[in-house]
Amino acid sequence: MTPLIRAEALSHSYKTRRFLRPNLSHMALDGIDLSLAAGETLAVVGESGSGKSTLGRMLLGIERPTGGRVSYEGRDLSSFGPAEALRLTQDLQMVFQNPSAALDPRLAVISQIAEPLLIHKLAGLAEARSRAAEMMERVGLPPPLANRTPKLLSGGQRQRVVIARALMTGPRFVVFDEAVSALDVSVQAQILELIRSLRRSGGFASLFITHDLRVVRHVADRVAVLYLGRLVEEGPARQIFAAPGHPYTRALLAAIPGSPLPRAARLHAGEIRREVGLGCALVSRCPVASALCAQLTPPLVRLAPGRRLTCHHPLPRPAPRAQGAEAATAGLVHSVASQEESA
């Protein structure tokens, strides 16, 4: 079965301009292989600067790769002409990290939600506004907000507007780029529950980009962990949380506030190696690194169906009491139900 979205050996580098070192290249992504099936949710996690947002933009065709390819339903995105690319944006949508920057401060909410239908000529003005009002109800925005401008909305309401606008064309693949990172914890839980319910009813595939593992467990089917542009671990979400195989994945779990994982699981305060030749990029920070890690780049190996890892010293056993991380996320989502019941 052909995946909906596939990245093959995907690489991307940026030219950085420095006074003493002009035209220096920074490798944002390095040989990424990923695929998503229709209706599936893949969470991409990692620290800031790991290449998560770059990956999301490239899967949508917003940026072109410097190496490798991205295909949609088996067809290379680079082969789409201008007219086809415009049509493709109906199927591929993105929810950006900062809703305030993604919205026009001068336009009313309902006009911005209806705009995709007008751009793609899918409806006239009256029908577009009517369908926009229906979408507002679907994402939990009350009708009195329709004629307000974004500055008169709360952060959670603005995020709902951005989500509503992204879903207006009935996309098949949506990228959520840090969609809840700037929100209060209680609002985060509401938006996460909204995304879960929309995914169940809409059936679209999604890429959920985040640096916070608390929000991953209840929105993702699979998890991909990036470090400095490289894929270090991938697998089903339940397996990643129960038994992280890579020291970096375990360190991310240990960094969750209130995590029961021991301090030994956390990374050392070593130098971040952004320009790496041979050897593991994590070697200066890894608590289990050896001389081999500095000399030989670990290959990406398949541990089990759907489970891949790149490490010379994978963790042999489940991390002690890793369920505490799941409990933290469960409590986050449970607060949604409590709030909805009280409302």
C-alpha atoms as a PDB file:
ATOM      1  CA  MET A   1       0.000   0.000   0.000  1.00  0.00           C
ATOM      2  CA  THR A   2       1.381   3.394  -1.055  1.00  0.00           C
ATOM      3  CA  PRO A   3       1.878   5.783   1.890  1.00  0.00           C
ATOM      4  CA  LEU A   4       0.074   9.115   1.741  1.00  0.00           C
ATOM      5  CA  ILE A   5       3.287  11.075   2.457  1.00  0.00           C
ATOM      6  CA  ARG A   6       6.833   9.723   2.193  1.00  0.00           C
ATOM      7  CA  ALA A   7      10.240  11.307   2.753  1.00  0.00           C
ATOM      8  CA  GLU A   8      13.210   9.466   1.294  1.00  0.00           C
ATOM      9  CA  ALA A   9      16.809  10.382   2.259  1.00  0.00           C
ATOM     10  CA  LEU A  10      15.525  13.892   2.900  1.00  0.00           C
ATOM     11  CA  SER A  11      18.225  16.492   3.523  1.00  0.00           C
ATOM     12  CA  HIS A  12      18.201  20.265   3.742  1.00  0.00           C
ATOM     13  CA  SER A  13      20.925  22.802   4.429  1.00  0.00           C
ATOM     14  CA  TYR A  14      20.813  26.538   4.995  1.00  0.00           C
ATOM     15  CA  LYS A  15      23.469  29.039   4.025  1.00  0.00           C
ATOM     16  CA  THR A  16      24.478  31.130   7.026  1.00  0.00           C
ATOM     17  CA  ARG A  17      26.249  34.442   6.550  1.00  0.00           C
ATOM     18  CA  ARG A  18      28.911  35.278   9.088  1.00  0.00           C
ATOM     19  CA  PHE A  19      31.503  38.012   8.950  1.00  0.00           C
ATOM     20  CA  LEU A  20      34.515  35.731   9.365  1.00  0.00           C
ATOM     21  CA  ARG A  21      33.001  32.567   7.819  1.00  0.00           C
ATOM     22  CA  PRO A  22      30.777  33.565   4.861  1.00  0.00           C
ATOM     23  CA  ASN A  23      28.547  31.047   3.079  1.00  0.00           C
ATOM     24  CA  LEU A  24      28.803  28.466   5.824  1.00  0.00           C
ATOM     25  CA  SER A  25      26.268  25.653   5.423  1.00  0.00           C
ATOM     26  CA  HIS A  26      24.113  24.487   8.312  1.00  0.00           C
ATOM     27  CA  MET A  27      22.611  21.007   7.875  1.00  0.00           C
ATOM     28  CA  ALA A  28      19.032  21.232   9.175  1.00  0.00           C
ATOM     29  CA  LEU A  29      18.007  17.725   8.039  1.00  0.00           C
ATOM     30  CA  ASP A  30      20.301  14.824   7.258  1.00  0.00           C
ATOM     31  CA  GLY A  31      18.977  11.746   5.445  1.00  0.00           C
ATOM     32  CA  ILE A  32      15.469  11.488   6.929  1.00  0.00           C
ATOM     33  CA  ASP A  33      13.293   8.515   5.902  1.00  0.00           C
ATOM     34  CA  LEU A  34       9.683   8.695   7.096  1.00  0.00           C
ATOM     35  CA  SER A  35       6.219   7.796   5.859  1.00  0.00           C
ATOM     36  CA  LEU A  36       2.634   8.415   6.931  1.00  0.00           C
ATOM     37  CA  ALA A  37      -0.430   6.402   6.032  1.00  0.00           C
ATOM     38  CA  ALA A  38      -3.838   7.957   5.522  1.00  0.00           C
ATOM     39  CA  GLY A  39      -5.486   8.779   8.865  1.00  0.00           C
ATOM     40  CA  GLU A  40      -2.269   8.261  10.861  1.00  0.00           C
ATOM     41  CA  THR A  41      -0.661  10.745  13.281  1.00  0.00           C
ATOM     42  CA  LEU A  42       3.114  10.931  13.610  1.00  0.00           C
ATOM     43  CA  ALA A  43       4.610  13.060  16.393  1.00  0.00           C
ATOM     44  CA  VAL A  44       8.041  14.554  15.676  1.00  0.00           C
ATOM     45  CA  VAL A  45       9.873  15.467  18.875  1.00  0.00           C
ATOM     46  CA  GLY A  46      13.227  16.937  19.784  1.00  0.00           C
ATOM     47  CA  GLU A  47      14.904  20.010  21.175  1.00  0.00           C
ATOM     48  CA  SER A  48      14.751  23.417  19.500  1.00  0.00           C
ATOM     49  CA  GLY A  49      16.981  23.361  16.433  1.00  0.00           C
ATOM     50  CA  SER A  50      16.551  19.658  15.749  1.00  0.00           C
ATOM     51  CA  GLY A  51      14.885  20.257  12.361  1.00  0.00           C
ATOM     52  CA  LYS A  52      11.255  19.571  13.275  1.00  0.00           C
ATOM     53  CA  SER A  53       9.702  22.650  11.641  1.00  0.00           C
ATOM     54  CA  THR A  54      11.958  22.327   8.595  1.00  0.00           C
ATOM     55  CA  LEU A  55      10.741  18.756   8.152  1.00  0.00           C
ATOM     56  CA  GLY A  56       7.100  19.854   8.384  1.00  0.00           C
ATOM     57  CA  ARG A  57       7.542  22.603   5.779  1.00  0.00           C
ATOM     58  CA  MET A  58       9.332  20.252   3.413  1.00  0.00           C
ATOM     59  CA  LEU A  59       6.647  17.575   3.665  1.00  0.00           C
ATOM     60  CA  LEU A  60       4.160  20.238   2.544  1.00  0.00           C
ATOM     61  CA  GLY A  61       6.347  21.472  -0.296  1.00  0.00           C
ATOM     62  CA  ILE A  62       6.810  24.916   1.283  1.00  0.00           C
ATOM     63  CA  GLU A  63      10.574  24.369   1.102  1.00  0.00           C
ATOM     64  CA  ARG A  64      12.482  22.279  -1.422  1.00  0.00           C
ATOM     65  CA  PRO A  65      15.013  19.675  -0.245  1.00  0.00           C
ATOM     66  CA  THR A  66      18.685  19.951  -1.081  1.00  0.00           C
ATOM     67  CA  GLY A  67      18.808  16.145  -1.121  1.00  0.00           C
ATOM     68  CA  GLY A  68      16.294  13.304  -1.293  1.00  0.00           C
ATOM     69  CA  ARG A  69      12.630  13.614  -2.183  1.00  0.00           C
ATOM     70  CA  VAL A  70       9.121  14.005  -0.780  1.00  0.00           C
ATOM     71  CA  SER A  71       6.242  12.198  -2.444  1.00  0.00           C
ATOM     72  CA  TYR A  72       2.477  12.541  -2.079  1.00  0.00           C
ATOM     73  CA  GLU A  73       0.532   9.412  -3.022  1.00  0.00           C
ATOM     74  CA  GLY A  74       3.653   8.139  -4.780  1.00  0.00           C
ATOM     75  CA  ARG A  75       4.317  11.299  -6.811  1.00  0.00           C
ATOM     76  CA  ASP A  76       7.315  13.553  -6.209  1.00  0.00           C
ATOM     77  CA  LEU A  77       6.200  16.991  -4.965  1.00  0.00           C
ATOM     78  CA  SER A  78       8.821  18.661  -7.157  1.00  0.00           C
ATOM     79  CA  SER A  79       7.016  17.365 -10.269  1.00  0.00           C
ATOM     80  CA  PHE A  80       3.835  19.370  -9.581  1.00  0.00           C
ATOM     81  CA  GLY A  81       3.345  22.414 -11.814  1.00  0.00           C
ATOM     82  CA  PRO A  82       2.041  25.781 -10.491  1.00  0.00           C
ATOM     83  CA  ALA A  83      -1.636  24.974 -11.116  1.00  0.00           C
ATOM     84  CA  GLU A  84      -1.284  21.494  -9.622  1.00  0.00           C
ATOM     85  CA  ALA A  85       0.614  22.885  -6.639  1.00  0.00           C
ATOM     86  CA  LEU A  86      -2.213  25.323  -5.908  1.00  0.00           C
ATOM     87  CA  ARG A  87      -4.706  22.473  -6.092  1.00  0.00           C
ATOM     88  CA  LEU A  88      -2.452  20.423  -3.816  1.00  0.00           C
ATOM     89  CA  THR A  89      -2.759  23.016  -1.024  1.00  0.00           C
ATOM     90  CA  GLN A  90      -6.352  21.871  -0.591  1.00  0.00           C
ATOM     91  CA  ASP A  91      -5.013  18.506   0.543  1.00  0.00           C
ATOM     92  CA  LEU A  92      -1.925  19.692   2.448  1.00  0.00           C
ATOM     93  CA  GLN A  93      -2.362  22.259   5.224  1.00  0.00           C
ATOM     94  CA  MET A  94      -0.347  23.625   8.151  1.00  0.00           C
ATOM     95  CA  VAL A  95      -1.256  25.014  11.585  1.00  0.00           C
ATOM     96  CA  PHE A  96       1.550  27.395  12.486  1.00  0.00           C
ATOM     97  CA  GLN A  97       3.125  27.824  15.893  1.00  0.00           C
ATOM     98  CA  ASN A  98       2.124  31.467  16.434  1.00  0.00           C
ATOM     99  CA  PRO A  99      -1.577  32.010  15.637  1.00  0.00           C
ATOM    100  CA  SER A 100      -1.260  35.781  16.081  1.00  0.00           C
ATOM    101  CA  ALA A 101       1.319  35.955  13.281  1.00  0.00           C
ATOM    102  CA  ALA A 102      -0.705  33.588  11.070  1.00  0.00           C
ATOM    103  CA  LEU A 103      -3.882  35.710  11.205  1.00  0.00           C
ATOM    104  CA  ASP A 104      -4.621  39.059   9.559  1.00  0.00           C
ATOM    105  CA  PRO A 105      -5.181  41.547  12.424  1.00  0.00           C
ATOM    106  CA  ARG A 106      -7.607  43.591  10.297  1.00  0.00           C
ATOM    107  CA  LEU A 107     -10.018  40.891   9.135  1.00  0.00           C
ATOM    108  CA  ALA A 108     -12.936  39.413  11.051  1.00  0.00           C
ATOM    109  CA  VAL A 109     -12.604  35.817  12.194  1.00  0.00           C
ATOM    110  CA  ILE A 110     -15.316  34.434   9.924  1.00  0.00           C
ATOM    111  CA  SER A 111     -13.760  36.098   6.876  1.00  0.00           C
ATOM    112  CA  GLN A 112     -10.398  34.485   7.558  1.00  0.00           C
ATOM    113  CA  ILE A 113     -11.927  31.050   8.075  1.00  0.00           C
ATOM    114  CA  ALA A 114     -13.933  31.355   4.837  1.00  0.00           C
ATOM    115  CA  GLU A 115     -10.958  32.626   2.804  1.00  0.00           C
ATOM    116  CA  PRO A 116      -9.579  29.207   1.664  1.00  0.00           C
ATOM    117  CA  LEU A 117     -12.902  28.369   0.012  1.00  0.00           C
ATOM    118  CA  LEU A 118     -12.803  31.641  -1.936  1.00  0.00           C
ATOM    119  CA  ILE A 119      -9.145  31.254  -2.952  1.00  0.00           C
ATOM    120  CA  HIS A 120      -9.773  27.775  -4.353  1.00  0.00           C
ATOM    121  CA  LYS A 121     -13.158  28.807  -5.799  1.00  0.00           C
ATOM    122  CA  LEU A 122     -14.921  26.053  -3.877  1.00  0.00           C
ATOM    123  CA  ALA A 123     -17.861  28.256  -2.884  1.00  0.00           C
ATOM    124  CA  GLY A 124     -19.368  31.699  -3.349  1.00  0.00           C
ATOM    125  CA  LEU A 125     -19.164  34.345  -0.634  1.00  0.00           C
ATOM    126  CA  ALA A 126     -22.487  33.510   1.025  1.00  0.00           C
ATOM    127  CA  GLU A 127     -21.868  29.755   1.025  1.00  0.00           C
ATOM    128  CA  ALA A 128     -18.284  30.212   2.221  1.00  0.00           C
ATOM    129  CA  ARG A 129     -19.403  32.283   5.210  1.00  0.00           C
ATOM    130  CA  SER A 130     -22.112  29.741   6.000  1.00  0.00           C
ATOM    131  CA  ARG A 131     -19.633  26.861   5.941  1.00  0.00           C
ATOM    132  CA  ALA A 132     -17.200  28.947   7.994  1.00  0.00           C
ATOM    133  CA  ALA A 133     -19.882  29.419  10.644  1.00  0.00           C
ATOM    134  CA  GLU A 134     -20.398  25.644  10.725  1.00  0.00           C
ATOM    135  CA  MET A 135     -16.644  25.106  11.131  1.00  0.00           C
ATOM    136  CA  MET A 136     -16.569  27.629  13.986  1.00  0.00           C
ATOM    137  CA  GLU A 137     -19.171  25.573  15.804  1.00  0.00           C
ATOM    138  CA  ARG A 138     -17.230  22.410  15.075  1.00  0.00           C
ATOM    139  CA  VAL A 139     -14.042  23.749  16.707  1.00  0.00           C
ATOM    140  CA  GLY A 140     -15.852  25.271  19.672  1.00  0.00           C
ATOM    141  CA  LEU A 141     -15.935  28.960  18.714  1.00  0.00           C
ATOM    142  CA  PRO A 142     -19.223  30.627  19.734  1.00  0.00           C
ATOM    143  CA  PRO A 143     -21.114  32.604  17.023  1.00  0.00           C
ATOM    144  CA  PRO A 144     -20.640  36.026  18.720  1.00  0.00           C
ATOM    145  CA  LEU A 145     -16.900  35.782  17.912  1.00  0.00           C
ATOM    146  CA  ALA A 146     -17.511  35.642  14.141  1.00  0.00           C
ATOM    147  CA  ASN A 147     -17.134  39.371  13.510  1.00  0.00           C
ATOM    148  CA  ARG A 148     -14.319  40.009  15.974  1.00  0.00           C
ATOM    149  CA  THR A 149     -10.727  40.618  14.926  1.00  0.00           C
ATOM    150  CA  PRO A 150      -7.961  38.340  16.277  1.00  0.00           C
ATOM    151  CA  LYS A 151      -6.727  40.846  18.877  1.00  0.00           C
ATOM    152  CA  LEU A 152     -10.087  40.533  20.664  1.00  0.00           C
ATOM    153  CA  LEU A 153      -9.663  36.775  21.102  1.00  0.00           C
ATOM    154  CA  SER A 154      -7.776  34.744  23.679  1.00  0.00           C
ATOM    155  CA  GLY A 155      -4.757  32.647  22.722  1.00  0.00           C
ATOM    156  CA  GLY A 156      -6.789  29.454  22.727  1.00  0.00           C
ATOM    157  CA  GLN A 157      -9.504  31.023  20.583  1.00  0.00           C
ATOM    158  CA  ARG A 158      -6.948  32.253  18.037  1.00  0.00           C
ATOM    159  CA  GLN A 159      -5.488  28.744  17.849  1.00  0.00           C
ATOM    160  CA  ARG A 160      -8.971  27.362  17.174  1.00  0.00           C
ATOM    161  CA  VAL A 161      -9.406  29.909  14.371  1.00  0.00           C
ATOM    162  CA  VAL A 162      -6.147  28.775  12.729  1.00  0.00           C
ATOM    163  CA  ILE A 163      -7.193  25.123  13.036  1.00  0.00           C
ATOM    164  CA  ALA A 164     -10.649  25.882  11.601  1.00  0.00           C
ATOM    165  CA  ARG A 165      -9.125  27.702   8.625  1.00  0.00           C
ATOM    166  CA  ALA A 166      -6.721  24.822   7.915  1.00  0.00           C
ATOM    167  CA  LEU A 167      -9.608  22.331   7.820  1.00  0.00           C
ATOM    168  CA  MET A 168     -11.924  24.315   5.534  1.00  0.00           C
ATOM    169  CA  THR A 169     -10.755  22.635   2.312  1.00  0.00           C
ATOM    170  CA  GLY A 170     -11.027  19.113   3.737  1.00  0.00           C
ATOM    171  CA  PRO A 171      -7.275  18.374   3.763  1.00  0.00           C
ATOM    172  CA  ARG A 172      -5.859  14.864   3.797  1.00  0.00           C
ATOM    173  CA  PHE A 173      -2.639  15.834   5.599  1.00  0.00           C
ATOM    174  CA  VAL A 174      -2.180  18.531   8.267  1.00  0.00           C
ATOM    175  CA  VAL A 175       1.043  19.643   9.971  1.00  0.00           C
ATOM    176  CA  PHE A 176       0.583  20.978  13.512  1.00  0.00           C
ATOM    177  CA  ASP A 177       3.756  22.961  14.261  1.00  0.00           C
ATOM    178  CA  GLU A 178       4.020  23.446  18.054  1.00  0.00           C
ATOM    179  CA  ALA A 179       0.280  24.071  18.041  1.00  0.00           C
ATOM    180  CA  VAL A 180      -0.011  24.209  21.845  1.00  0.00           C
ATOM    181  CA  SER A 181       3.451  25.294  23.015  1.00  0.00           C
ATOM    182  CA  ALA A 182       2.505  28.936  23.720  1.00  0.00           C
ATOM    183  CA  LEU A 183      -0.734  28.152  25.567  1.00  0.00           C
ATOM    184  CA  ASP A 184      -1.527  27.693  29.241  1.00  0.00           C
ATOM    185  CA  VAL A 185      -1.683  24.079  30.399  1.00  0.00           C
ATOM    186  CA  SER A 186      -5.478  24.079  30.738  1.00  0.00           C
ATOM    187  CA  VAL A 187      -5.885  25.562  27.247  1.00  0.00           C
ATOM    188  CA  GLN A 188      -3.318  23.079  25.899  1.00  0.00           C
ATOM    189  CA  ALA A 189      -5.512  20.245  27.106  1.00  0.00           C
ATOM    190  CA  GLN A 190      -8.565  21.711  25.378  1.00  0.00           C
ATOM    191  CA  ILE A 191      -6.737  22.137  22.052  1.00  0.00           C
ATOM    192  CA  LEU A 192      -5.268  18.623  22.272  1.00  0.00           C
ATOM    193  CA  GLU A 193      -8.697  17.144  22.846  1.00  0.00           C
ATOM    194  CA  LEU A 194     -10.025  19.215  19.936  1.00  0.00           C
ATOM    195  CA  ILE A 195      -7.284  17.874  17.622  1.00  0.00           C
ATOM    196  CA  ARG A 196      -8.034  14.315  18.710  1.00  0.00           C
ATOM    197  CA  SER A 197     -11.771  14.676  18.048  1.00  0.00           C
ATOM    198  CA  LEU A 198     -11.215  16.372  14.671  1.00  0.00           C
ATOM    199  CA  ARG A 199      -8.814  13.626  13.620  1.00  0.00           C
ATOM    200  CA  ARG A 200     -11.354  10.944  14.524  1.00  0.00           C
ATOM    201  CA  SER A 201     -14.165  12.664  12.611  1.00  0.00           C
ATOM    202  CA  GLY A 202     -12.130  14.067   9.714  1.00  0.00           C
ATOM    203  CA  GLY A 203      -9.869  11.106   9.008  1.00  0.00           C
ATOM    204  CA  PHE A 204      -6.874  13.200   7.923  1.00  0.00           C
ATOM    205  CA  ALA A 205      -3.257  12.223   8.484  1.00  0.00           C
ATOM    206  CA  SER A 206      -1.234  14.600  10.630  1.00  0.00           C
ATOM    207  CA  LEU A 207       2.299  15.455  11.658  1.00  0.00           C
ATOM    208  CA  PHE A 208       2.389  16.786  15.222  1.00  0.00           C
ATOM    209  CA  ILE A 209       5.583  18.761  15.877  1.00  0.00           C
ATOM    210  CA  THR A 210       6.489  19.391  19.505  1.00  0.00           C
ATOM    211  CA  HIS A 211       9.371  19.498  21.959  1.00  0.00           C
ATOM    212  CA  ASP A 212       7.069  18.534  24.852  1.00  0.00           C
ATOM    213  CA  LEU A 213       6.563  14.789  25.255  1.00  0.00           C
ATOM    214  CA  ARG A 214       3.683  15.351  27.685  1.00  0.00           C
ATOM    215  CA  VAL A 215       1.395  16.154  24.768  1.00  0.00           C
ATOM    216  CA  VAL A 216       2.490  13.292  22.515  1.00  0.00           C
ATOM    217  CA  ARG A 217       1.149  10.166  24.155  1.00  0.00           C
ATOM    218  CA  HIS A 218      -2.529  10.938  23.568  1.00  0.00           C
ATOM    219  CA  VAL A 219      -2.359  12.439  20.073  1.00  0.00           C
ATOM    220  CA  ALA A 220       0.117  10.229  18.193  1.00  0.00           C
ATOM    221  CA  ASP A 221       0.124   6.729  16.764  1.00  0.00           C
ATOM    222  CA  ARG A 222       3.897   6.830  16.173  1.00  0.00           C
ATOM    223  CA  VAL A 223       6.790   8.968  17.401  1.00  0.00           C
ATOM    224  CA  ALA A 224       9.909  10.074  15.514  1.00  0.00           C
ATOM    225  CA  VAL A 225      12.750  11.574  17.572  1.00  0.00           C
ATOM    226  CA  LEU A 226      15.124  14.031  15.860  1.00  0.00           C
ATOM    227  CA  TYR A 227      18.481  15.252  17.107  1.00  0.00           C
ATOM    228  CA  LEU A 228      20.377  17.895  15.097  1.00  0.00           C
ATOM    229  CA  GLY A 229      18.559  16.947  11.917  1.00  0.00           C
ATOM    230  CA  ARG A 230      19.014  13.190  12.259  1.00  0.00           C
ATOM    231  CA  LEU A 231      16.399  10.560  13.016  1.00  0.00           C
ATOM    232  CA  VAL A 232      17.589   8.761  16.174  1.00  0.00           C
ATOM    233  CA  GLU A 233      14.505   6.704  17.051  1.00  0.00           C
ATOM    234  CA  GLU A 234      11.093   5.885  15.625  1.00  0.00           C
ATOM    235  CA  GLY A 235       8.327   3.596  16.810  1.00  0.00           C
ATOM    236  CA  PRO A 236       4.773   3.215  18.121  1.00  0.00           C
ATOM    237  CA  ALA A 237       4.012   5.821  20.767  1.00  0.00           C
ATOM    238  CA  ARG A 238       3.219   3.267  23.470  1.00  0.00           C
ATOM    239  CA  GLN A 239       6.512   1.447  22.931  1.00  0.00           C
ATOM    240  CA  ILE A 240       8.547   4.661  22.930  1.00  0.00           C
ATOM    241  CA  PHE A 241       7.036   5.754  26.244  1.00  0.00           C
ATOM    242  CA  ALA A 242       7.231   2.335  27.861  1.00  0.00           C
ATOM    243  CA  ALA A 243      10.736   1.417  26.677  1.00  0.00           C
ATOM    244  CA  PRO A 244      12.775   4.199  25.044  1.00  0.00           C
ATOM    245  CA  GLY A 245      15.714   2.625  23.250  1.00  0.00           C
ATOM    246  CA  HIS A 246      17.866   5.671  22.566  1.00  0.00           C
ATOM    247  CA  PRO A 247      19.596   7.613  25.391  1.00  0.00           C
ATOM    248  CA  TYR A 248      18.350  10.879  23.866  1.00  0.00           C
ATOM    249  CA  THR A 249      14.731   9.687  23.891  1.00  0.00           C
ATOM    250  CA  ARG A 250      15.101   8.626  27.506  1.00  0.00           C
ATOM    251  CA  ALA A 251      16.616  12.026  28.339  1.00  0.00           C
ATOM    252  CA  LEU A 252      13.604  13.785  26.784  1.00  0.00           C
ATOM    253  CA  LEU A 253      11.298  11.687  28.963  1.00  0.00           C
ATOM    254  CA  ALA A 254      13.427  12.460  32.018  1.00  0.00           C
ATOM    255  CA  ALA A 255      13.097  16.200  31.276  1.00  0.00           C
ATOM    256  CA  ILE A 256       9.320  16.141  31.707  1.00  0.00           C
ATOM    257  CA  PRO A 257       8.477  18.104  34.896  1.00  0.00           C
ATOM    258  CA  GLY A 258       7.807  15.631  37.679  1.00  0.00           C
ATOM    259  CA  SER A 259       9.286  12.711  35.742  1.00  0.00           C
ATOM    260  CA  PRO A 260      10.248   9.772  37.992  1.00  0.00           C
ATOM    261  CA  LEU A 261      13.216   8.878  35.785  1.00  0.00           C
ATOM    262  CA  PRO A 262      16.594   9.119  37.559  1.00  0.00           C
ATOM    263  CA  ARG A 263      18.948  12.046  36.985  1.00  0.00           C
ATOM    264  CA  ALA A 264      21.400   9.583  35.414  1.00  0.00           C
ATOM    265  CA  ALA A 265      19.030   9.391  32.430  1.00  0.00           C
ATOM    266  CA  ARG A 266      19.548  13.084  31.628  1.00  0.00           C
ATOM    267  CA  LEU A 267      22.109  14.453  29.205  1.00  0.00           C
ATOM    268  CA  HIS A 268      25.442  15.895  30.244  1.00  0.00           C
ATOM    269  CA  ALA A 269      26.020  19.609  29.744  1.00  0.00           C
ATOM    270  CA  GLY A 270      28.443  18.989  26.902  1.00  0.00           C
ATOM    271  CA  GLU A 271      29.002  20.969  23.736  1.00  0.00           C
ATOM    272  CA  ILE A 272      26.334  20.541  21.062  1.00  0.00           C
ATOM    273  CA  ARG A 273      28.132  19.285  17.946  1.00  0.00           C
ATOM    274  CA  ARG A 274      26.326  20.871  15.005  1.00  0.00           C
ATOM    275  CA  GLU A 275      28.991  20.088  12.423  1.00  0.00           C
ATOM    276  CA  VAL A 276      29.465  16.343  12.676  1.00  0.00           C
ATOM    277  CA  GLY A 277      31.506  14.078  10.423  1.00  0.00           C
ATOM    278  CA  LEU A 278      32.184  10.600  11.743  1.00  0.00           C
ATOM    279  CA  GLY A 279      30.778   9.649  15.110  1.00  0.00           C
ATOM    280  CA  CYS A 280      27.502  10.156  16.934  1.00  0.00           C
ATOM    281  CA  ALA A 281      26.238  13.744  17.204  1.00  0.00           C
ATOM    282  CA  LEU A 282      25.211  13.116  20.816  1.00  0.00           C
ATOM    283  CA  VAL A 283      28.599  11.794  21.991  1.00  0.00           C
ATOM    284  CA  SER A 284      29.587  14.820  24.126  1.00  0.00           C
ATOM    285  CA  ARG A 285      26.273  14.799  26.018  1.00  0.00           C
ATOM    286  CA  CYS A 286      25.365  11.110  26.167  1.00  0.00           C
ATOM    287  CA  PRO A 287      25.534   9.365  29.571  1.00  0.00           C
ATOM    288  CA  VAL A 288      26.406   5.984  27.979  1.00  0.00           C
ATOM    289  CA  ALA A 289      28.843   7.116  25.247  1.00  0.00           C
ATOM    290  CA  SER A 290      32.012   5.144  24.584  1.00  0.00           C
ATOM    291  CA  ALA A 291      35.098   5.588  22.401  1.00  0.00           C
ATOM    292  CA  LEU A 292      33.240   3.820  19.586  1.00  0.00           C
ATOM    293  CA  CYS A 293      30.581   6.556  19.576  1.00  0.00           C
ATOM    294  CA  ALA A 294      33.207   9.215  18.794  1.00  0.00           C
ATOM    295  CA  GLN A 295      34.750   7.210  15.969  1.00  0.00           C
ATOM    296  CA  LEU A 296      31.864   5.592  14.080  1.00  0.00           C
ATOM    297  CA  THR A 297      28.493   6.998  13.045  1.00  0.00           C
ATOM    298  CA  PRO A 298      25.790   4.606  14.295  1.00  0.00           C
ATOM    299  CA  PRO A 299      23.612   3.151  11.530  1.00  0.00           C
ATOM    300  CA  LEU A 300      19.828   3.227  11.577  1.00  0.00           C
ATOM    301  CA  VAL A 301      18.767  -0.323  12.431  1.00  0.00           C
ATOM    302  CA  ARG A 302      15.337  -1.943  12.502  1.00  0.00           C
ATOM    303  CA  LEU A 303      14.671  -3.465  15.933  1.00  0.00           C
ATOM    304  CA  ALA A 304      11.156  -4.704  15.141  1.00  0.00           C
ATOM    305  CA  PRO A 305       8.368  -3.953  12.653  1.00  0.00           C
ATOM    306  CA  GLY A 306       7.813  -0.197  12.854  1.00  0.00           C
ATOM    307  CA  ARG A 307      10.641   0.318  15.367  1.00  0.00           C
ATOM    308  CA  ARG A 308      13.968   1.871  14.275  1.00  0.00           C
ATOM    309  CA  LEU A 309      16.940   3.148  16.229  1.00  0.00           C
ATOM    310  CA  THR A 310      20.384   4.655  15.632  1.00  0.00           C
ATOM    311  CA  CYS A 311      22.683   3.974  18.596  1.00  0.00           C
ATOM    312  CA  HIS A 312      25.753   1.854  19.380  1.00  0.00           C
ATOM    313  CA  HIS A 313      24.496   1.260  22.938  1.00  0.00           C
ATOM    314  CA  PRO A 314      20.688   1.018  22.902  1.00  0.00           C
ATOM    315  CA  LEU A 315      19.039   0.783  26.294  1.00  0.00           C
ATOM    316  CA  PRO A 316      18.556  -2.938  27.031  1.00  0.00           C
ATOM    317  CA  ARG A 317      15.543  -2.637  29.313  1.00  0.00           C
ATOM    318  CA  PRO A 318      12.512  -0.372  29.730  1.00  0.00           C
ATOM    319  CA  ALA A 319      13.336   2.805  31.601  1.00  0.00           C
ATOM    320  CA  PRO A 320      12.327   2.478  35.280  1.00  0.00           C
ATOM    321  CA  ARG A 321       8.861   3.764  35.980  1.00  0.00           C
ATOM    322  CA  ALA A 322       8.540   5.309  32.514  1.00  0.00           C
ATOM    323  CA  GLN A 323       4.781   5.073  33.000  1.00  0.00           C
ATOM    324  CA  GLY A 324       5.077   8.246  35.062  1.00  0.00           C
ATOM    325  CA  ALA A 325       5.464  10.202  31.822  1.00  0.00           C
ATOM    326  CA  GLU A 326       2.268   8.617  30.511  1.00  0.00           C
ATOM    327  CA  ALA A 327       0.484   9.453  33.744  1.00  0.00           C
ATOM    328  CA  ALA A 328       1.515  13.104  33.390  1.00  0.00           C
ATOM    329  CA  THR A 329      -0.056  13.275  29.933  1.00  0.00           C
ATOM    330  CA  ALA A 330      -3.113  11.332  31.054  1.00  0.00           C
ATOM    331  CA  GLY A 331      -3.644  13.896  33.794  1.00  0.00           C
ATOM    332  CA  LEU A 332      -3.343  16.679  31.228  1.00  0.00           C
ATOM    333  CA  VAL A 333      -6.031  15.175  29.013  1.00  0.00           C
ATOM    334  CA  HIS A 334      -8.183  14.238  32.022  1.00  0.00           C
ATOM    335  CA  SER A 335      -8.358  17.917  32.932  1.00  0.00           C
ATOM    336  CA  VAL A 336     -10.176  18.531  29.621  1.00  0.00           C
ATOM    337  CA  ALA A 337     -13.014  16.244  30.624  1.00  0.00           C
ATOM    338  CA  SER A 338     -13.245  17.873  34.030  1.00  0.00           C
ATOM    339  CA  GLN A 339     -13.416  21.352  32.499  1.00  0.00           C
ATOM    340  CA  GLU A 340     -16.030  20.316  29.933  1.00  0.00           C
ATOM    341  CA  GLU A 341     -18.172  18.688  32.596  1.00  0.00           C
ATOM    342  CA  SER A 342     -18.014  21.789  34.783  1.00  0.00           C
ATOM    343  CA  ALA A 343     -18.911  23.965  31.783  1.00  0.00           C
END
